[in-house]
Amino acid sequence: MNSPLFASLSIVLGGLLTLAAHAEPAPSATLKSGKQVYNDVCFACHKTGVAHAPRFGNKADWAPLIEEGQAILTAHAWVGVRAMPAKGGKPELSLSEFASAVAYMARQSGGNWKDPDAKMMKKIRHEAEERLEKSIKEMQAMKKELHRLNESAD
């Protein structure tokens, strides 16, 4: 059974298994609640306002952020914003768990946000992709400027 078809099938199945390993957890998988993620990841900065992080429960800190909207705020925080690192500094944190934590913090700080459903998660992913594209273009422009400066310095 050493046919090319069998070899191709093995490669395809191996690729699918690799993709599945890196995918978001299935809805039936046990995800941490927003409160759990806050306590495990977000607490360190958002409890005291380290580096101007909006303080947990502080309506004044959160009001302008809540005004941005759930998809925008969550997506921008996910990819990193101001002093906040991408994924809150925890690379293995899923987007679903992260989004639940942002919704939890917003609720505790005057917002009326629900844990994101499939429709909201789609908006968040779309906004995150747009934010990343914008960042990539900005970095490419900086790279071109550096090349131009290097060429004019020679």
Protein backbone atom coordinates (compact mmCIF):
# COMPACT_ATOMS: atom_id res chain seq x y z
CA MET A 1 0.00 0.00 0.00
CA ASN A 2 2.84 2.36 -0.89
CA SER A 3 0.92 4.19 -3.60
CA PRO A 4 1.33 7.91 -4.37
CA LEU A 5 -2.34 8.37 -3.39
CA PHE A 6 -1.66 6.97 0.09
CA ALA A 7 1.37 9.23 0.48
CA SER A 8 -0.64 12.27 -0.61
CA LEU A 9 -3.44 11.35 1.76
CA SER A 10 -0.96 11.09 4.64
CA ILE A 11 0.43 14.55 3.85
CA VAL A 12 -3.04 16.09 3.67
CA LEU A 13 -4.14 14.46 6.94
CA GLY A 14 -0.93 15.56 8.64
CA GLY A 15 -1.53 19.14 7.50
CA LEU A 16 -5.11 19.07 8.74
CA LEU A 17 -3.99 17.79 12.13
CA THR A 18 -1.44 20.60 12.33
CA LEU A 19 -4.12 23.19 11.50
CA ALA A 20 -6.48 21.70 14.06
CA ALA A 21 -3.83 21.90 16.74
CA HIS A 22 -3.47 25.66 16.15
CA ALA A 23 -7.17 26.47 15.76
CA GLU A 24 -9.39 28.17 18.30
CA PRO A 25 -10.84 25.69 20.79
CA ALA A 26 -14.12 24.15 19.70
CA PRO A 27 -17.20 25.63 21.38
CA SER A 28 -17.60 22.43 23.37
CA ALA A 29 -14.04 22.69 24.71
CA THR A 30 -13.73 24.10 28.19
CA LEU A 31 -12.78 27.74 27.91
CA LYS A 32 -11.79 29.94 30.81
CA SER A 33 -14.37 32.53 31.75
CA GLY A 34 -13.65 36.22 31.36
CA LYS A 35 -13.27 36.48 35.13
CA GLN A 36 -10.76 33.61 35.19
CA VAL A 37 -8.70 35.16 32.40
CA TYR A 38 -8.81 38.54 34.16
CA ASN A 39 -7.54 36.93 37.37
CA ASP A 40 -4.86 34.92 35.56
CA VAL A 41 -3.62 37.43 32.97
CA CYS A 42 -5.13 40.91 33.12
CA PHE A 43 -5.12 41.55 36.86
CA ALA A 44 -1.42 42.45 37.06
CA CYS A 45 -1.84 45.63 35.00
CA HIS A 46 -5.54 46.44 35.13
CA LYS A 47 -5.86 46.28 38.93
CA THR A 48 -3.49 49.21 39.51
CA GLY A 49 -3.32 50.90 36.09
CA VAL A 50 0.26 49.97 35.23
CA ALA A 51 1.44 51.96 32.17
CA HIS A 52 -1.92 53.74 32.00
CA ALA A 53 -3.94 50.53 31.67
CA PRO A 54 -7.62 51.24 32.34
CA ARG A 55 -8.21 50.21 35.94
CA PHE A 56 -10.67 47.41 36.57
CA GLY A 57 -14.00 48.80 37.76
CA ASN A 58 -13.03 52.42 37.05
CA LYS A 59 -15.83 53.86 34.92
CA ALA A 60 -13.86 57.00 34.02
CA ASP A 61 -10.93 54.95 32.69
CA TRP A 62 -13.16 52.64 30.70
CA ALA A 63 -15.82 55.04 29.36
CA PRO A 64 -13.90 56.21 26.24
CA LEU A 65 -12.80 52.64 25.51
CA ILE A 66 -16.29 51.22 25.88
CA GLU A 67 -17.46 53.96 23.53
CA GLU A 68 -15.16 52.57 20.81
CA GLY A 69 -17.30 49.44 20.71
CA GLN A 70 -16.70 45.85 21.65
CA ALA A 71 -15.27 44.63 18.34
CA ILE A 72 -12.85 47.53 17.93
CA LEU A 73 -11.58 47.61 21.51
CA THR A 74 -11.17 43.84 21.71
CA ALA A 75 -9.42 43.57 18.35
CA HIS A 76 -7.03 46.44 19.04
CA ALA A 77 -6.15 45.05 22.46
CA TRP A 78 -5.68 41.56 20.95
CA VAL A 79 -3.04 42.76 18.50
CA GLY A 80 -1.47 45.11 21.06
CA VAL A 81 -2.21 48.74 21.76
CA ARG A 82 -0.22 51.46 23.51
CA ALA A 83 1.83 49.75 26.27
CA MET A 84 -0.27 46.56 26.16
CA PRO A 85 1.40 43.65 24.40
CA ALA A 86 -0.49 41.48 21.93
CA LYS A 87 -2.71 38.87 23.58
CA GLY A 88 -2.13 40.58 26.92
CA GLY A 89 1.40 39.19 26.89
CA LYS A 90 0.20 35.56 27.00
CA PRO A 91 0.80 34.05 23.53
CA GLU A 92 -1.19 30.88 24.23
CA LEU A 93 -4.35 32.78 25.20
CA SER A 94 -7.16 32.10 22.73
CA LEU A 95 -9.02 34.97 21.09
CA SER A 96 -12.30 33.65 22.52
CA GLU A 97 -10.97 33.72 26.08
CA PHE A 98 -9.34 37.09 25.55
CA ALA A 99 -12.59 38.54 24.18
CA SER A 100 -14.52 37.21 27.16
CA ALA A 101 -12.03 38.85 29.52
CA VAL A 102 -12.38 42.22 27.77
CA ALA A 103 -16.18 41.92 27.95
CA TYR A 104 -15.95 41.02 31.65
CA MET A 105 -13.73 44.01 32.42
CA ALA A 106 -16.01 46.34 30.43
CA ARG A 107 -19.10 45.03 32.28
CA GLN A 108 -17.43 45.61 35.63
CA SER A 109 -16.52 49.13 34.53
CA GLY A 110 -19.86 50.46 33.33
CA GLY A 111 -20.32 48.74 29.97
CA ASN A 112 -23.21 46.56 28.94
CA TRP A 113 -21.19 44.02 26.96
CA LYS A 114 -22.06 40.36 26.63
CA ASP A 115 -19.58 37.55 26.19
CA PRO A 116 -19.06 37.53 22.43
CA ASP A 117 -21.16 35.21 20.29
CA ALA A 118 -20.14 33.91 16.84
CA LYS A 119 -21.29 37.11 15.11
CA MET A 120 -19.27 39.34 17.45
CA MET A 121 -16.21 37.08 17.18
CA LYS A 122 -16.36 37.45 13.39
CA LYS A 123 -16.40 41.26 13.77
CA ILE A 124 -13.48 41.08 16.20
CA ARG A 125 -11.41 38.90 13.85
CA HIS A 126 -12.15 41.23 10.92
CA GLU A 127 -11.18 44.34 12.90
CA ALA A 128 -7.99 42.66 14.20
CA GLU A 129 -6.99 41.77 10.65
CA GLU A 130 -7.56 45.35 9.49
CA ARG A 131 -5.54 46.68 12.43
CA LEU A 132 -2.67 44.31 11.61
CA GLU A 133 -2.74 45.30 7.93
CA LYS A 134 -2.50 48.96 8.91
CA SER A 135 0.45 48.21 11.22
CA ILE A 136 2.21 46.21 8.51
CA LYS A 137 1.85 49.08 6.02
CA GLU A 138 3.19 51.55 8.59
CA MET A 139 6.21 49.32 9.28
CA GLN A 140 6.84 48.86 5.54
CA ALA A 141 6.80 52.65 5.10
CA MET A 142 9.33 53.02 7.93
CA LYS A 143 11.52 50.37 6.32
CA LYS A 144 11.44 52.24 2.99
CA GLU A 145 12.37 55.46 4.77
CA LEU A 146 15.33 53.76 6.43
CA HIS A 147 16.52 52.39 3.08
CA ARG A 148 16.23 55.88 1.59
CA LEU A 149 18.16 57.38 4.52
CA ASN A 150 20.85 54.71 4.25
CA GLU A 151 21.24 55.30 0.53
CA SER A 152 21.51 59.07 0.97
CA ALA A 153 24.08 58.64 3.76
CA ASP A 154 26.44 56.65 1.54
